Amino acid sequence: MTTNGKTILVADDDPDLRDIVRSVLEPAGFQVLEAPNGEHAVAAVQVQAPDLLILDYAMPGLTGPQVCERLRRDTLLRHVPIIMLTGRSDIQDKVAGMSSGADDYVVKPFDPQELLVRVQSVLRRTTQELDANPLTKLPGNTAILTELEDRIAARRPLAVAYVDLDRFKTFNDHYGFQRGDEVITRTAQILLETTKRHGNPDDFIGHIGGDDFILVTTPDRADAVCETIVSQFDAMARTLYDSREQAQGFIMHTDRQGQLARVPLLSVSIALVTNEQRLITHPGQIAAVGAELKTYAKQFDRSLYVTERRRAEG
């Protein structure tokens, strides 16, 4: 398995053990970061989520299972895979580690090759399960479908927001892929931060592909989430244009037919589908209503969200 420069955070109060883990993973191409305890691990992950977290079971302060439980409750961080290191052979401790949300465990002292194989296996399995987008690291279509099916089966209040960027292709052609990627990553961050602030702890955010995202919350939180995404996106997107184009509010872009056209600045259209007034039994129903609403939303040359009542909001 190629590592592609994946980053692994090792949290253990024993510096010698951290050195051992580093000596195993770095030659395999991983970038290894260190944290001396659970509190530092949580702080580090909140600054920059690693591709995988290796946690010692028994650390002073926050223990490995406590760190794991805290991250699993965080919308932004709950998809980070975790391997628990334990020096205990008691099966109850292993069960406790897995019950807190760890993806795998390794008993100390460990064989270096076993640790490397476990790391590669967890990363491979997580990638397959999430079908994660390589740019945003958000779950992809496989995980999105599973999430929707689970939510529908639970028969709980459901609100699904399809988030689509308007005129992104023109922006990407005009400014280049690097700035286009920045739009995508910063949009993903807006979704994550907004959901954490206004949504529920178990809300879900996925990256369908390109400039299309999906956000799953509940109807009572949906309006605040969508309104904030609209305002935050407009403030962010404007900063990515050159100063002259910011001031004039459009770009002059030559399309693929060689025609020069005035193109408005980026905006975001959100189609919000809920089960408040209809019984939803299949993800296909959500997709069909969402597509219809999104078509309606794109008639407006501004950022907004629309509901099934065809009332423009934002």
C-alpha atoms as a PDB file:
ATOM      1  CA  MET A   1       0.000   0.000   0.000  1.00  0.00           C
ATOM      2  CA  THR A   2       1.352   3.396  -0.943  1.00  0.00           C
ATOM      3  CA  THR A   3       1.288   5.945   1.877  1.00  0.00           C
ATOM      4  CA  ASN A   4       1.057   9.056  -0.310  1.00  0.00           C
ATOM      5  CA  GLY A   5       2.639  11.078   2.488  1.00  0.00           C
ATOM      6  CA  LYS A   6      -0.106  10.276   4.971  1.00  0.00           C
ATOM      7  CA  THR A   7       0.240  11.852   8.411  1.00  0.00           C
ATOM      8  CA  ILE A   8       0.044   9.841  11.631  1.00  0.00           C
ATOM      9  CA  LEU A   9      -0.191  11.369  15.091  1.00  0.00           C
ATOM     10  CA  VAL A  10       1.272   9.228  17.900  1.00  0.00           C
ATOM     11  CA  ALA A  11       0.043  10.083  21.409  1.00  0.00           C
ATOM     12  CA  ASP A  12       1.933   8.369  24.241  1.00  0.00           C
ATOM     13  CA  ASP A  13       3.484   9.650  27.459  1.00  0.00           C
ATOM     14  CA  ASP A  14       6.556   7.451  26.864  1.00  0.00           C
ATOM     15  CA  PRO A  15       9.018   9.273  24.539  1.00  0.00           C
ATOM     16  CA  ASP A  16      10.934   6.056  23.898  1.00  0.00           C
ATOM     17  CA  LEU A  17       7.816   4.364  22.584  1.00  0.00           C
ATOM     18  CA  ARG A  18       7.061   7.352  20.364  1.00  0.00           C
ATOM     19  CA  ASP A  19      10.598   7.037  18.962  1.00  0.00           C
ATOM     20  CA  ILE A  20      10.017   3.345  18.247  1.00  0.00           C
ATOM     21  CA  VAL A  21       6.767   4.038  16.418  1.00  0.00           C
ATOM     22  CA  ARG A  22       8.459   6.796  14.418  1.00  0.00           C
ATOM     23  CA  SER A  23      11.311   4.446  13.467  1.00  0.00           C
ATOM     24  CA  VAL A  24       8.755   1.955  12.141  1.00  0.00           C
ATOM     25  CA  LEU A  25       6.506   4.346  10.211  1.00  0.00           C
ATOM     26  CA  GLU A  26       8.816   6.976   8.737  1.00  0.00           C
ATOM     27  CA  PRO A  27      10.851   4.515   6.611  1.00  0.00           C
ATOM     28  CA  ALA A  28       7.509   3.367   5.165  1.00  0.00           C
ATOM     29  CA  GLY A  29       6.828   6.911   3.962  1.00  0.00           C
ATOM     30  CA  PHE A  30       4.536   8.207   6.703  1.00  0.00           C
ATOM     31  CA  GLN A  31       4.880  11.645   8.276  1.00  0.00           C
ATOM     32  CA  VAL A  32       4.841  11.135  12.058  1.00  0.00           C
ATOM     33  CA  LEU A  33       3.731  13.765  14.549  1.00  0.00           C
ATOM     34  CA  GLU A  34       3.893  13.334  18.334  1.00  0.00           C
ATOM     35  CA  ALA A  35       1.817  14.242  21.384  1.00  0.00           C
ATOM     36  CA  PRO A  36       2.980  13.531  24.954  1.00  0.00           C
ATOM     37  CA  ASN A  37      -0.519  13.082  26.398  1.00  0.00           C
ATOM     38  CA  GLY A  38      -4.217  13.015  25.620  1.00  0.00           C
ATOM     39  CA  GLU A  39      -4.798  16.756  26.010  1.00  0.00           C
ATOM     40  CA  HIS A  40      -2.046  17.557  23.524  1.00  0.00           C
ATOM     41  CA  ALA A  41      -3.425  14.939  21.145  1.00  0.00           C
ATOM     42  CA  VAL A  42      -6.903  16.508  21.131  1.00  0.00           C
ATOM     43  CA  ALA A  43      -5.436  19.986  20.607  1.00  0.00           C
ATOM     44  CA  ALA A  44      -3.213  18.787  17.751  1.00  0.00           C
ATOM     45  CA  VAL A  45      -6.039  16.979  15.967  1.00  0.00           C
ATOM     46  CA  GLN A  46      -8.258  20.056  16.194  1.00  0.00           C
ATOM     47  CA  VAL A  47      -5.580  22.144  14.488  1.00  0.00           C
ATOM     48  CA  GLN A  48      -4.896  19.655  11.694  1.00  0.00           C
ATOM     49  CA  ALA A  49      -6.627  16.284  11.467  1.00  0.00           C
ATOM     50  CA  PRO A  50      -4.122  13.475  10.754  1.00  0.00           C
ATOM     51  CA  ASP A  51      -4.855  10.551   8.467  1.00  0.00           C
ATOM     52  CA  LEU A  52      -4.593   8.212  11.471  1.00  0.00           C
ATOM     53  CA  LEU A  53      -4.177   8.538  15.235  1.00  0.00           C
ATOM     54  CA  ILE A  54      -2.245   6.054  17.396  1.00  0.00           C
ATOM     55  CA  LEU A  55      -3.283   6.385  21.057  1.00  0.00           C
ATOM     56  CA  ASP A  56      -1.793   4.851  24.175  1.00  0.00           C
ATOM     57  CA  TYR A  57      -4.518   3.264  26.300  1.00  0.00           C
ATOM     58  CA  ALA A  58      -3.260   4.484  29.705  1.00  0.00           C
ATOM     59  CA  MET A  59      -2.043   8.081  29.622  1.00  0.00           C
ATOM     60  CA  PRO A  60      -2.108  10.575  32.510  1.00  0.00           C
ATOM     61  CA  GLY A  61      -4.950  13.060  32.281  1.00  0.00           C
ATOM     62  CA  LEU A  62      -7.082  12.064  29.329  1.00  0.00           C
ATOM     63  CA  THR A  63      -6.726   8.323  28.671  1.00  0.00           C
ATOM     64  CA  GLY A  64      -6.735   6.811  25.203  1.00  0.00           C
ATOM     65  CA  PRO A  65     -10.406   5.751  25.402  1.00  0.00           C
ATOM     66  CA  GLN A  66     -11.383   9.214  26.683  1.00  0.00           C
ATOM     67  CA  VAL A  67      -9.603  10.905  23.775  1.00  0.00           C
ATOM     68  CA  CYS A  68     -11.262   8.470  21.403  1.00  0.00           C
ATOM     69  CA  GLU A  69     -14.733   9.155  22.800  1.00  0.00           C
ATOM     70  CA  ARG A  70     -14.188  12.905  22.600  1.00  0.00           C
ATOM     71  CA  LEU A  71     -13.137  12.779  18.953  1.00  0.00           C
ATOM     72  CA  ARG A  72     -16.000  10.486  17.990  1.00  0.00           C
ATOM     73  CA  ARG A  73     -18.454  13.095  19.296  1.00  0.00           C
ATOM     74  CA  ASP A  74     -16.869  15.796  17.111  1.00  0.00           C
ATOM     75  CA  THR A  75     -18.463  16.266  13.679  1.00  0.00           C
ATOM     76  CA  LEU A  76     -15.176  17.498  12.228  1.00  0.00           C
ATOM     77  CA  LEU A  77     -13.031  14.680  13.597  1.00  0.00           C
ATOM     78  CA  ARG A  78     -15.133  11.576  14.037  1.00  0.00           C
ATOM     79  CA  HIS A  79     -13.929   9.985  10.791  1.00  0.00           C
ATOM     80  CA  VAL A  80     -10.235   9.974  11.810  1.00  0.00           C
ATOM     81  CA  PRO A  81      -9.220   6.304  12.210  1.00  0.00           C
ATOM     82  CA  ILE A  82      -7.710   5.347  15.578  1.00  0.00           C
ATOM     83  CA  ILE A  83      -5.431   2.512  16.696  1.00  0.00           C
ATOM     84  CA  MET A  84      -5.166   1.935  20.432  1.00  0.00           C
ATOM     85  CA  LEU A  85      -1.842   0.821  21.955  1.00  0.00           C
ATOM     86  CA  THR A  86      -2.170  -1.148  25.166  1.00  0.00           C
ATOM     87  CA  GLY A  87       0.273  -2.962  27.393  1.00  0.00           C
ATOM     88  CA  ARG A  88      -2.545  -4.956  28.905  1.00  0.00           C
ATOM     89  CA  SER A  89      -3.567  -8.427  27.847  1.00  0.00           C
ATOM     90  CA  ASP A  90      -6.928  -8.381  29.639  1.00  0.00           C
ATOM     91  CA  ILE A  91      -9.659  -8.830  27.051  1.00  0.00           C
ATOM     92  CA  GLN A  92     -11.847  -6.316  28.928  1.00  0.00           C
ATOM     93  CA  ASP A  93      -9.337  -3.546  28.265  1.00  0.00           C
ATOM     94  CA  LYS A  94      -9.297  -4.394  24.580  1.00  0.00           C
ATOM     95  CA  VAL A  95     -13.084  -4.358  24.513  1.00  0.00           C
ATOM     96  CA  ALA A  96     -13.117  -1.003  26.334  1.00  0.00           C
ATOM     97  CA  GLY A  97     -10.755   0.470  23.760  1.00  0.00           C
ATOM     98  CA  MET A  98     -12.835  -0.732  20.834  1.00  0.00           C
ATOM     99  CA  SER A  99     -16.086   0.319  22.532  1.00  0.00           C
ATOM    100  CA  SER A 100     -14.795   3.885  22.826  1.00  0.00           C
ATOM    101  CA  GLY A 101     -14.543   4.022  19.045  1.00  0.00           C
ATOM    102  CA  ALA A 102     -11.057   2.713  18.194  1.00  0.00           C
ATOM    103  CA  ASP A 103     -10.735   0.964  14.847  1.00  0.00           C
ATOM    104  CA  ASP A 104      -8.047  -1.487  15.980  1.00  0.00           C
ATOM    105  CA  TYR A 105      -5.639  -2.187  18.844  1.00  0.00           C
ATOM    106  CA  VAL A 106      -2.028  -3.353  19.160  1.00  0.00           C
ATOM    107  CA  VAL A 107      -0.653  -4.917  22.366  1.00  0.00           C
ATOM    108  CA  LYS A 108       2.716  -3.700  23.675  1.00  0.00           C
ATOM    109  CA  PRO A 109       5.409  -4.815  23.239  1.00  0.00           C
ATOM    110  CA  PHE A 110       4.578  -5.113  19.561  1.00  0.00           C
ATOM    111  CA  ASP A 111       6.374  -6.466  16.554  1.00  0.00           C
ATOM    112  CA  PRO A 112       7.321  -3.530  14.263  1.00  0.00           C
ATOM    113  CA  GLN A 113       6.079  -5.315  11.170  1.00  0.00           C
ATOM    114  CA  GLU A 114       2.747  -6.054  12.842  1.00  0.00           C
ATOM    115  CA  LEU A 115       2.268  -2.377  13.721  1.00  0.00           C
ATOM    116  CA  LEU A 116       3.034  -1.326  10.151  1.00  0.00           C
ATOM    117  CA  VAL A 117       0.603  -3.881   8.738  1.00  0.00           C
ATOM    118  CA  ARG A 118      -2.117  -2.799  11.185  1.00  0.00           C
ATOM    119  CA  VAL A 119      -1.629   0.859  10.229  1.00  0.00           C
ATOM    120  CA  GLN A 120      -1.810   0.089   6.519  1.00  0.00           C
ATOM    121  CA  SER A 121      -4.837  -2.148   7.010  1.00  0.00           C
ATOM    122  CA  VAL A 122      -6.810   0.449   8.996  1.00  0.00           C
ATOM    123  CA  LEU A 123      -6.008   3.175   6.475  1.00  0.00           C
ATOM    124  CA  ARG A 124      -7.006   0.963   3.569  1.00  0.00           C
ATOM    125  CA  ARG A 125     -10.236  -0.143   5.245  1.00  0.00           C
ATOM    126  CA  THR A 126     -11.156   3.405   6.253  1.00  0.00           C
ATOM    127  CA  THR A 127     -10.561   4.690   2.733  1.00  0.00           C
ATOM    128  CA  GLN A 128     -12.737   1.939   1.274  1.00  0.00           C
ATOM    129  CA  GLU A 129     -15.518   2.475   3.796  1.00  0.00           C
ATOM    130  CA  LEU A 130     -15.586   6.244   3.512  1.00  0.00           C
ATOM    131  CA  ASP A 131     -14.652   6.436  -0.156  1.00  0.00           C
ATOM    132  CA  ALA A 132     -13.076   9.649   1.096  1.00  0.00           C
ATOM    133  CA  ASN A 133     -12.440  12.563  -1.225  1.00  0.00           C
ATOM    134  CA  PRO A 134      -8.663  13.047  -1.455  1.00  0.00           C
ATOM    135  CA  LEU A 135      -8.911  16.857  -1.426  1.00  0.00           C
ATOM    136  CA  THR A 136     -11.348  17.466   1.431  1.00  0.00           C
ATOM    137  CA  LYS A 137     -11.052  14.054   3.179  1.00  0.00           C
ATOM    138  CA  LEU A 138     -14.825  14.098   3.576  1.00  0.00           C
ATOM    139  CA  PRO A 139     -16.750  10.827   3.140  1.00  0.00           C
ATOM    140  CA  GLY A 140     -17.695  10.024  -0.448  1.00  0.00           C
ATOM    141  CA  ASN A 141     -20.659   8.415  -2.165  1.00  0.00           C
ATOM    142  CA  THR A 142     -20.481   4.979  -0.543  1.00  0.00           C
ATOM    143  CA  ALA A 143     -20.540   6.441   2.949  1.00  0.00           C
ATOM    144  CA  ILE A 144     -23.188   8.996   1.933  1.00  0.00           C
ATOM    145  CA  LEU A 145     -25.554   6.280   0.721  1.00  0.00           C
ATOM    146  CA  THR A 146     -25.024   4.230   3.875  1.00  0.00           C
ATOM    147  CA  GLU A 147     -25.663   7.274   6.066  1.00  0.00           C
ATOM    148  CA  LEU A 148     -28.905   8.127   4.282  1.00  0.00           C
ATOM    149  CA  GLU A 149     -30.139   4.541   4.437  1.00  0.00           C
ATOM    150  CA  ASP A 150     -29.403   4.352   8.163  1.00  0.00           C
ATOM    151  CA  ARG A 151     -31.149   7.655   8.865  1.00  0.00           C
ATOM    152  CA  ILE A 152     -34.218   6.663   6.854  1.00  0.00           C
ATOM    153  CA  ALA A 153     -34.409   3.300   8.618  1.00  0.00           C
ATOM    154  CA  ALA A 154     -34.266   5.043  12.018  1.00  0.00           C
ATOM    155  CA  ARG A 155     -37.436   7.022  11.123  1.00  0.00           C
ATOM    156  CA  ARG A 156     -36.177  10.125  12.909  1.00  0.00           C
ATOM    157  CA  PRO A 157     -36.569  13.782  11.833  1.00  0.00           C
ATOM    158  CA  LEU A 158     -34.335  14.260   8.811  1.00  0.00           C
ATOM    159  CA  ALA A 159     -33.075  17.240   6.816  1.00  0.00           C
ATOM    160  CA  VAL A 160     -30.736  16.754   3.860  1.00  0.00           C
ATOM    161  CA  ALA A 161     -29.034  19.754   2.267  1.00  0.00           C
ATOM    162  CA  TYR A 162     -27.511  19.432  -1.200  1.00  0.00           C
ATOM    163  CA  VAL A 163     -24.835  22.120  -1.498  1.00  0.00           C
ATOM    164  CA  ASP A 164     -23.741  23.106  -5.009  1.00  0.00           C
ATOM    165  CA  LEU A 165     -21.411  25.921  -6.106  1.00  0.00           C
ATOM    166  CA  ASP A 166     -22.579  28.108  -8.979  1.00  0.00           C
ATOM    167  CA  ARG A 167     -20.156  29.058 -11.786  1.00  0.00           C
ATOM    168  CA  PHE A 168     -17.341  27.088 -10.203  1.00  0.00           C
ATOM    169  CA  LYS A 169     -16.209  25.652 -13.545  1.00  0.00           C
ATOM    170  CA  THR A 170     -15.755  29.137 -14.988  1.00  0.00           C
ATOM    171  CA  PHE A 171     -13.840  30.247 -11.881  1.00  0.00           C
ATOM    172  CA  ASN A 172     -11.622  27.156 -12.156  1.00  0.00           C
ATOM    173  CA  ASP A 173     -10.927  27.774 -15.843  1.00  0.00           C
ATOM    174  CA  HIS A 174     -10.246  31.467 -15.251  1.00  0.00           C
ATOM    175  CA  TYR A 175      -7.945  31.237 -12.215  1.00  0.00           C
ATOM    176  CA  GLY A 176      -6.561  27.714 -12.482  1.00  0.00           C
ATOM    177  CA  PHE A 177      -6.842  24.486 -10.491  1.00  0.00           C
ATOM    178  CA  GLN A 178      -4.869  25.669  -7.477  1.00  0.00           C
ATOM    179  CA  ARG A 179      -7.296  28.457  -6.674  1.00  0.00           C
ATOM    180  CA  GLY A 180     -10.192  26.195  -7.622  1.00  0.00           C
ATOM    181  CA  ASP A 181      -9.008  23.613  -5.087  1.00  0.00           C
ATOM    182  CA  GLU A 182      -8.885  26.367  -2.484  1.00  0.00           C
ATOM    183  CA  VAL A 183     -12.553  27.123  -3.111  1.00  0.00           C
ATOM    184  CA  ILE A 184     -13.431  23.451  -2.569  1.00  0.00           C
ATOM    185  CA  THR A 185     -11.367  23.000   0.606  1.00  0.00           C
ATOM    186  CA  ARG A 186     -12.570  26.252   2.154  1.00  0.00           C
ATOM    187  CA  THR A 187     -16.182  25.379   1.333  1.00  0.00           C
ATOM    188  CA  ALA A 188     -15.700  22.045   3.082  1.00  0.00           C
ATOM    189  CA  GLN A 189     -14.321  23.867   6.115  1.00  0.00           C
ATOM    190  CA  ILE A 190     -17.321  26.217   6.171  1.00  0.00           C
ATOM    191  CA  LEU A 191     -19.663  23.214   6.160  1.00  0.00           C
ATOM    192  CA  LEU A 192     -17.770  21.540   8.983  1.00  0.00           C
ATOM    193  CA  GLU A 193     -17.453  24.613  11.172  1.00  0.00           C
ATOM    194  CA  THR A 194     -21.059  25.699  10.587  1.00  0.00           C
ATOM    195  CA  THR A 195     -22.423  22.266  11.410  1.00  0.00           C
ATOM    196  CA  LYS A 196     -20.331  22.080  14.548  1.00  0.00           C
ATOM    197  CA  ARG A 197     -21.632  25.489  15.667  1.00  0.00           C
ATOM    198  CA  HIS A 198     -25.299  25.209  14.667  1.00  0.00           C
ATOM    199  CA  GLY A 199     -25.967  21.531  14.045  1.00  0.00           C
ATOM    200  CA  ASN A 200     -26.127  18.331  16.085  1.00  0.00           C
ATOM    201  CA  PRO A 201     -23.125  16.310  17.314  1.00  0.00           C
ATOM    202  CA  ASP A 202     -24.028  13.421  14.991  1.00  0.00           C
ATOM    203  CA  ASP A 203     -24.678  15.464  11.839  1.00  0.00           C
ATOM    204  CA  PHE A 204     -23.032  14.167   8.667  1.00  0.00           C
ATOM    205  CA  ILE A 205     -21.142  15.959   5.896  1.00  0.00           C
ATOM    206  CA  GLY A 206     -20.130  14.253   2.660  1.00  0.00           C
ATOM    207  CA  HIS A 207     -18.415  15.243  -0.582  1.00  0.00           C
ATOM    208  CA  ILE A 208     -20.368  13.929  -3.550  1.00  0.00           C
ATOM    209  CA  GLY A 209     -17.621  15.084  -5.909  1.00  0.00           C
ATOM    210  CA  GLY A 210     -16.346  18.220  -7.619  1.00  0.00           C
ATOM    211  CA  ASP A 211     -18.243  21.190  -6.201  1.00  0.00           C
ATOM    212  CA  ASP A 212     -21.148  19.139  -4.827  1.00  0.00           C
ATOM    213  CA  PHE A 213     -21.560  18.407  -1.106  1.00  0.00           C
ATOM    214  CA  ILE A 214     -24.248  16.927   1.110  1.00  0.00           C
ATOM    215  CA  LEU A 215     -25.106  17.764   4.711  1.00  0.00           C
ATOM    216  CA  VAL A 216     -27.427  15.672   6.875  1.00  0.00           C
ATOM    217  CA  THR A 217     -28.953  17.282   9.965  1.00  0.00           C
ATOM    218  CA  THR A 218     -32.412  17.650  11.534  1.00  0.00           C
ATOM    219  CA  PRO A 219     -35.200  20.052  10.518  1.00  0.00           C
ATOM    220  CA  ASP A 220     -34.923  22.110  13.704  1.00  0.00           C
ATOM    221  CA  ARG A 221     -31.273  22.930  12.934  1.00  0.00           C
ATOM    222  CA  ALA A 222     -31.445  23.139   9.149  1.00  0.00           C
ATOM    223  CA  ASP A 223     -32.416  26.819   8.750  1.00  0.00           C
ATOM    224  CA  ALA A 224     -29.602  28.123  10.958  1.00  0.00           C
ATOM    225  CA  VAL A 225     -27.087  25.822   9.260  1.00  0.00           C
ATOM    226  CA  CYS A 226     -28.109  26.811   5.731  1.00  0.00           C
ATOM    227  CA  GLU A 227     -28.318  30.538   6.485  1.00  0.00           C
ATOM    228  CA  THR A 228     -24.819  30.505   7.971  1.00  0.00           C
ATOM    229  CA  ILE A 229     -23.363  28.542   5.074  1.00  0.00           C
ATOM    230  CA  VAL A 230     -24.781  31.092   2.623  1.00  0.00           C
ATOM    231  CA  SER A 231     -23.366  34.090   4.465  1.00  0.00           C
ATOM    232  CA  GLN A 232     -20.020  32.488   5.216  1.00  0.00           C
ATOM    233  CA  PHE A 233     -19.585  31.268   1.657  1.00  0.00           C
ATOM    234  CA  ASP A 234     -20.261  34.687   0.150  1.00  0.00           C
ATOM    235  CA  ALA A 235     -17.729  36.311   2.479  1.00  0.00           C
ATOM    236  CA  MET A 236     -15.112  33.644   1.728  1.00  0.00           C
ATOM    237  CA  ALA A 237     -15.585  33.395  -2.037  1.00  0.00           C
ATOM    238  CA  ARG A 238     -15.178  37.104  -2.655  1.00  0.00           C
ATOM    239  CA  THR A 239     -11.680  37.053  -1.132  1.00  0.00           C
ATOM    240  CA  LEU A 240     -10.479  34.559  -3.757  1.00  0.00           C
ATOM    241  CA  TYR A 241     -10.951  36.986  -6.646  1.00  0.00           C
ATOM    242  CA  ASP A 242      -8.415  39.558  -7.756  1.00  0.00           C
ATOM    243  CA  SER A 243      -9.094  43.021  -6.320  1.00  0.00           C
ATOM    244  CA  ARG A 244     -10.444  44.531  -9.548  1.00  0.00           C
ATOM    245  CA  GLU A 245     -12.913  41.697 -10.017  1.00  0.00           C
ATOM    246  CA  GLN A 246     -13.938  41.888  -6.366  1.00  0.00           C
ATOM    247  CA  ALA A 247     -14.801  45.543  -6.872  1.00  0.00           C
ATOM    248  CA  GLN A 248     -16.715  45.115 -10.118  1.00  0.00           C
ATOM    249  CA  GLY A 249     -18.565  41.986  -8.963  1.00  0.00           C
ATOM    250  CA  PHE A 250     -17.884  39.869 -12.051  1.00  0.00           C
ATOM    251  CA  ILE A 251     -15.120  38.458 -14.242  1.00  0.00           C
ATOM    252  CA  MET A 252     -14.693  38.752 -17.996  1.00  0.00           C
ATOM    253  CA  HIS A 253     -14.033  35.221 -19.168  1.00  0.00           C
ATOM    254  CA  THR A 254     -13.532  33.712 -22.612  1.00  0.00           C
ATOM    255  CA  ASP A 255     -15.556  30.523 -22.878  1.00  0.00           C
ATOM    256  CA  ARG A 256     -14.602  27.425 -24.852  1.00  0.00           C
ATOM    257  CA  GLN A 257     -16.350  28.802 -27.939  1.00  0.00           C
ATOM    258  CA  GLY A 258     -14.058  31.835 -27.805  1.00  0.00           C
ATOM    259  CA  GLN A 259     -16.809  34.203 -26.710  1.00  0.00           C
ATOM    260  CA  LEU A 260     -16.049  36.849 -24.079  1.00  0.00           C
ATOM    261  CA  ALA A 261     -18.728  36.880 -21.370  1.00  0.00           C
ATOM    262  CA  ARG A 262     -19.416  38.693 -18.109  1.00  0.00           C
ATOM    263  CA  VAL A 263     -19.691  36.047 -15.374  1.00  0.00           C
ATOM    264  CA  PRO A 264     -20.995  36.884 -11.868  1.00  0.00           C
ATOM    265  CA  LEU A 265     -18.980  35.895  -8.823  1.00  0.00           C
ATOM    266  CA  LEU A 266     -19.281  32.483  -7.223  1.00  0.00           C
ATOM    267  CA  SER A 267     -22.425  31.716  -5.267  1.00  0.00           C
ATOM    268  CA  VAL A 268     -23.829  28.690  -3.477  1.00  0.00           C
ATOM    269  CA  SER A 269     -27.191  27.006  -4.051  1.00  0.00           C
ATOM    270  CA  ILE A 270     -28.582  24.759  -1.319  1.00  0.00           C
ATOM    271  CA  ALA A 271     -31.536  22.429  -1.841  1.00  0.00           C
ATOM    272  CA  LEU A 272     -33.051  21.394   1.486  1.00  0.00           C
ATOM    273  CA  VAL A 273     -35.133  18.212   1.658  1.00  0.00           C
ATOM    274  CA  THR A 274     -36.860  17.104   4.882  1.00  0.00           C
ATOM    275  CA  ASN A 275     -39.236  14.375   6.003  1.00  0.00           C
ATOM    276  CA  GLU A 276     -41.426  16.855   7.881  1.00  0.00           C
ATOM    277  CA  GLN A 277     -44.269  16.711   5.340  1.00  0.00           C
ATOM    278  CA  ARG A 278     -43.556  13.524   3.434  1.00  0.00           C
ATOM    279  CA  LEU A 279     -42.626   9.939   4.210  1.00  0.00           C
ATOM    280  CA  ILE A 280     -39.157   9.155   2.893  1.00  0.00           C
ATOM    281  CA  THR A 281     -38.408   5.468   2.432  1.00  0.00           C
ATOM    282  CA  HIS A 282     -35.446   5.498   0.035  1.00  0.00           C
ATOM    283  CA  PRO A 283     -32.430   7.766  -0.707  1.00  0.00           C
ATOM    284  CA  GLY A 284     -33.634   8.031  -4.286  1.00  0.00           C
ATOM    285  CA  GLN A 285     -36.595  10.102  -3.121  1.00  0.00           C
ATOM    286  CA  ILE A 286     -34.275  12.567  -1.431  1.00  0.00           C
ATOM    287  CA  ALA A 287     -32.079  12.811  -4.535  1.00  0.00           C
ATOM    288  CA  ALA A 288     -35.054  13.390  -6.854  1.00  0.00           C
ATOM    289  CA  VAL A 289     -36.555  16.184  -4.751  1.00  0.00           C
ATOM    290  CA  GLY A 290     -33.094  17.655  -4.170  1.00  0.00           C
ATOM    291  CA  ALA A 291     -32.355  17.787  -7.905  1.00  0.00           C
ATOM    292  CA  GLU A 292     -35.647  19.540  -8.585  1.00  0.00           C
ATOM    293  CA  LEU A 293     -35.060  22.096  -5.843  1.00  0.00           C
ATOM    294  CA  LYS A 294     -31.489  22.713  -6.958  1.00  0.00           C
ATOM    295  CA  THR A 295     -32.672  23.487 -10.490  1.00  0.00           C
ATOM    296  CA  TYR A 296     -35.085  26.011  -9.018  1.00  0.00           C
ATOM    297  CA  ALA A 297     -32.382  27.572  -6.815  1.00  0.00           C
ATOM    298  CA  LYS A 298     -30.034  28.090  -9.741  1.00  0.00           C
ATOM    299  CA  GLN A 299     -32.514  30.440 -11.411  1.00  0.00           C
ATOM    300  CA  PHE A 300     -31.325  33.120  -8.990  1.00  0.00           C
ATOM    301  CA  ASP A 301     -27.993  34.896  -9.475  1.00  0.00           C
ATOM    302  CA  ARG A 302     -27.146  34.861  -5.782  1.00  0.00           C
ATOM    303  CA  SER A 303     -26.436  32.517  -2.916  1.00  0.00           C
ATOM    304  CA  LEU A 304     -29.533  31.074  -1.280  1.00  0.00           C
ATOM    305  CA  TYR A 305     -31.197  27.943  -0.028  1.00  0.00           C
ATOM    306  CA  VAL A 306     -34.629  26.649  -0.995  1.00  0.00           C
ATOM    307  CA  THR A 307     -37.012  24.262   0.698  1.00  0.00           C
ATOM    308  CA  GLU A 308     -39.785  22.108  -0.695  1.00  0.00           C
ATOM    309  CA  ARG A 309     -42.186  25.008  -0.226  1.00  0.00           C
ATOM    310  CA  ARG A 310     -40.355  26.736  -3.101  1.00  0.00           C
ATOM    311  CA  ARG A 311     -39.584  29.673  -0.846  1.00  0.00           C
ATOM    312  CA  ALA A 312     -36.178  31.214  -1.405  1.00  0.00           C
ATOM    313  CA  GLU A 313     -34.270  31.803   1.807  1.00  0.00           C
ATOM    314  CA  GLY A 314     -31.041  33.600   2.638  1.00  0.00           C
END
